[in-house]
Structure formats: C-alpha cells, structure tokens
Protein backbone atom coordinates (compact mmCIF):
# COMPACT_ATOMS: atom_id res chain seq x y z
CA MET A 1 41.61 24.71 30.75
CA PHE A 2 39.75 21.40 31.20
CA TYR A 3 36.50 23.19 32.14
CA PHE A 4 36.86 25.46 29.11
CA LEU A 5 37.00 22.41 26.78
CA ILE A 6 33.99 20.83 28.45
CA ARG A 7 32.01 24.09 28.22
CA ARG A 8 32.89 24.49 24.50
CA THR A 9 31.96 20.86 23.79
CA VAL A 10 28.60 21.27 25.51
CA GLN A 11 27.95 24.52 23.62
CA LEU A 12 28.83 22.82 20.35
CA LEU A 13 26.47 19.90 21.13
CA ILE A 14 23.64 22.31 21.97
CA VAL A 15 24.15 24.17 18.68
CA LEU A 16 24.24 20.89 16.71
CA LEU A 17 21.05 19.64 18.41
CA ALA A 18 19.34 22.96 17.66
CA ILE A 19 20.35 22.71 13.99
CA VAL A 20 19.16 19.11 13.71
CA GLY A 21 15.91 19.89 15.53
CA GLY A 22 15.29 22.94 13.36
CA SER A 23 15.99 20.93 10.22
CA LEU A 24 13.52 18.24 11.27
CA LEU A 25 10.85 20.86 11.94
CA VAL A 26 11.41 22.47 8.53
CA MET A 27 11.22 19.05 6.81
CA HIS A 28 8.02 18.26 8.71
CA TRP A 29 6.42 21.56 7.68
CA ALA A 30 7.60 21.21 4.07
CA ALA A 31 6.31 17.65 3.61
CA PRO A 32 2.72 17.43 2.46
CA ALA A 33 0.23 16.16 5.00
CA PHE A 34 -0.90 12.62 4.25
CA GLN A 35 -4.49 13.23 5.32
CA ALA A 36 -4.84 15.92 2.65
CA GLU A 37 -3.71 13.52 -0.09
CA GLU A 38 -6.57 11.03 -0.30
CA GLY A 39 -6.51 11.19 -4.09
CA ASP A 40 -2.76 10.63 -4.03
CA ALA A 41 -3.17 7.56 -1.81
CA GLU A 42 -5.87 6.26 -4.16
CA GLN A 43 -3.44 6.68 -7.08
CA ALA A 44 -0.76 4.73 -5.17
CA LEU A 45 -3.20 1.88 -4.53
CA SER A 46 -4.21 1.91 -8.21
CA ALA A 47 -0.56 1.75 -9.26
CA ALA A 48 -0.04 -1.28 -7.02
CA VAL A 49 -3.04 -3.05 -8.57
CA VAL A 50 -1.84 -2.28 -12.10
CA ALA A 51 1.64 -3.60 -11.23
CA SER A 52 0.16 -6.80 -9.77
CA LEU A 53 -2.52 -7.53 -12.33
CA GLY A 54 -0.62 -6.35 -15.38
CA ARG A 55 1.09 -9.73 -15.59
CA LEU A 56 -2.20 -11.69 -15.59
CA GLY A 57 -3.32 -10.88 -19.13
CA GLN A 58 -6.62 -12.48 -20.13
CA GLN A 59 -8.53 -14.10 -17.30
CA SER A 60 -11.87 -15.81 -17.28
CA GLY A 61 -14.34 -13.92 -15.16
CA PRO A 62 -13.99 -10.62 -13.35
CA ARG A 63 -11.25 -9.59 -10.94
CA TYR A 64 -12.61 -7.88 -7.83
CA ILE A 65 -10.67 -5.00 -6.26
CA SER A 66 -10.71 -3.50 -2.77
CA PHE A 67 -8.84 -0.40 -1.54
CA ASP A 68 -8.31 -0.19 2.23
CA GLY A 69 -11.33 -2.43 2.85
CA ARG A 70 -13.68 -0.43 0.64
CA ASP A 71 -14.53 -0.20 -3.03
CA PRO A 72 -12.26 2.01 -5.15
CA LEU A 73 -13.56 5.44 -6.10
CA PRO A 74 -15.33 5.58 -9.50
CA ALA A 75 -12.44 7.55 -11.03
CA SER A 76 -10.02 4.84 -9.90
CA MET A 77 -12.20 2.11 -11.40
CA ILE A 78 -12.21 3.94 -14.74
CA ALA A 79 -8.41 4.35 -14.60
CA LEU A 80 -7.91 0.67 -13.68
CA ARG A 81 -10.12 -0.51 -16.54
CA ALA A 82 -8.20 1.72 -18.96
CA ALA A 83 -4.80 0.51 -17.67
CA LEU A 84 -5.80 -3.19 -17.73
CA PRO A 85 -7.94 -3.60 -20.87
CA GLY A 86 -7.62 -7.42 -20.92
CA LEU A 87 -9.23 -7.81 -17.48
CA GLU A 88 -12.76 -7.28 -16.29
CA ILE A 89 -12.31 -5.13 -13.15
CA GLN A 90 -15.14 -4.89 -10.59
CA PRO A 91 -15.42 -3.53 -7.05
CA LEU A 92 -15.16 -6.14 -4.28
CA SER A 93 -18.69 -5.43 -3.03
CA LEU A 94 -20.04 -7.13 -6.19
CA ARG A 95 -18.11 -10.36 -5.49
CA ALA A 96 -20.31 -13.41 -4.85
CA THR A 97 -19.05 -15.77 -2.15
CA ARG A 98 -21.04 -18.82 -3.26
CA ASN A 99 -17.89 -20.59 -4.55
CA ASP A 100 -15.94 -20.01 -1.32
CA ARG A 101 -15.59 -23.19 0.72
CA CYS A 102 -14.22 -22.18 4.13
CA ASP A 103 -15.24 -24.53 6.93
CA THR A 104 -15.33 -23.59 10.57
CA SER A 105 -14.55 -25.87 13.45
CA GLY A 106 -16.78 -26.11 16.51
CA ASP A 107 -15.02 -23.19 18.22
CA GLY A 108 -15.42 -20.87 15.20
CA ALA A 109 -11.84 -21.12 13.91
CA ILE A 110 -11.48 -21.49 10.16
CA VAL A 111 -10.00 -24.85 9.19
CA THR A 112 -8.56 -24.94 5.68
CA ILE A 113 -6.37 -27.01 3.47
CA GLY A 114 -5.07 -24.61 0.85
CA ALA A 115 -7.05 -21.53 -0.16
CA CYS A 116 -10.69 -21.78 0.81
CA ARG A 117 -11.85 -18.74 -1.12
CA GLU A 118 -12.07 -18.38 -4.85
CA ASP A 119 -8.93 -16.54 -5.97
CA ASN A 120 -10.64 -13.82 -7.99
CA PHE A 121 -9.97 -10.72 -5.87
CA THR A 122 -7.13 -8.39 -4.98
CA ALA A 123 -7.33 -6.37 -1.78
CA VAL A 124 -4.77 -3.60 -1.38
CA GLU A 125 -4.22 -1.35 1.60
CA LEU A 126 -1.93 1.51 2.40
CA VAL A 127 0.25 0.36 5.29
CA ALA A 128 2.47 3.40 5.74
CA ARG A 129 3.89 6.52 4.20
CA PRO A 130 7.41 6.23 5.65
CA LEU A 131 8.86 9.13 3.68
CA TRP A 132 7.62 11.89 1.45
CA ARG A 133 6.56 10.51 -1.97
CA THR A 134 6.78 6.88 -0.82
CA ALA A 135 4.11 4.36 0.09
CA LEU A 136 4.21 0.86 1.53
CA ILE A 137 1.30 -1.17 0.15
CA ARG A 138 0.03 -4.58 1.29
CA GLU A 139 -1.70 -6.73 -1.32
CA ARG A 140 -3.76 -9.83 -0.59
CA THR A 141 -5.45 -12.49 -2.69
CA ALA A 142 -7.03 -15.75 -1.55
CA ALA A 143 -3.73 -17.63 -1.65
CA CYS A 144 -1.01 -14.96 -1.58
CA SER A 145 0.00 -11.77 0.11
CA ALA A 146 2.61 -9.22 -0.82
CA GLN A 147 4.18 -5.99 0.27
CA ARG A 148 5.15 -3.44 -2.33
CA MET A 149 7.17 -0.24 -1.98
CA LEU A 150 6.14 2.56 -4.32
CA PHE A 151 7.92 5.84 -5.03
CA ARG A 152 6.25 8.78 -6.67
CA PHE A 153 8.51 9.91 -9.49
CA PRO A 154 7.58 13.24 -11.05
CA SER A 155 3.93 12.46 -11.67
CA ALA A 156 3.37 8.71 -11.42
CA TRP A 157 3.76 6.02 -8.79
CA ARG A 158 6.40 3.40 -9.61
CA SER A 159 6.85 0.04 -7.94
CA VAL A 160 10.46 -0.45 -6.96
CA GLU A 161 10.35 -3.52 -4.75
CA TYR A 162 7.91 -6.22 -3.70
CA GLN A 163 7.80 -9.53 -1.89
CA TRP A 164 5.21 -12.26 -2.49
CA VAL A 165 4.35 -15.04 -0.08
CA CYS A 166 1.91 -17.74 -1.18
CA ALA A 167 0.46 -20.51 0.94
C-alpha cells in the first residue's frame, strides 16, 4: 500500500512537471521575439523620453537624446519633436562638449564635485524585457539617473513606475 502511494505521487509529479514545462514552451513560442521588434524597442525608448521631458516645458537651448548609446532613428526624432513641441530635440552626436568641465587626476580617474557635464542631454537604454509587452528602461542625465518600467497597453507604451536618483 505504501509503495502504491509513492508510485502515484511520483506519477502525479511527473504529469504536473510535464504540464508546467509544456506551458512554458507554449508561452515562449507565443511571445514575440525581442530581436524582431527593433521598432517596438525604439518606441519604448521614445515613450520614456516623452515621459521624462514632458515635465520640462520650455528650456533654453536644445536637449540632446541618445538611445542605447546611439542617435535615435529619424522617425523617432520626428515623433519626439511632435510630442514635445516646447523643446528643441537633437541627437546626442550633435552635442558640443566645450562647456563640460570634468577634471582627471594623475591616474586618469575623473574627480568631480557635483555634475561636471552640462545637463542638456538624456541618454536612455533598454535594460531588459522581463515579460511580454514590458520594458525596463534606464535614463541618465549629467546629474541624475532613473529606471522606468513601461507596459505596452493596446498600442502605446505607458510608464507605470520610475525611480530617480540625483547626485
């Protein structure tokens, strides 16, 4: 009788593991591949920039933008300029560094008191896609950094949570 219960328990565990494993495989196959969604990732990064810069309003001089260490695509620049009409949006490659005042010590380490770069840029990068239709975005300016969680509701990315840390 005891061996019968053990055998049934083991059989039940094997069936449950097979169901869970099969479900995970089906979810993996059903979820869109991230590599095939470059335009979708670009839209998520644009949504993060709009959420961050939308509160700035008028600003003197341009605001320079970087997506994953590169300039945004031309379509994204057009969309950003349309979404943020009060700001002059430019790609980061056009940013002049003549007003930056970072000093290096003798061993090459940067020694700063406060922000040493002019705070006129926003660099965003896609950190992870933890779940389908979600994106974790890291934002960085000269003095602050943030992480933002975005969810893609029917057709647009929405920011649901963020944390800012400023030095």
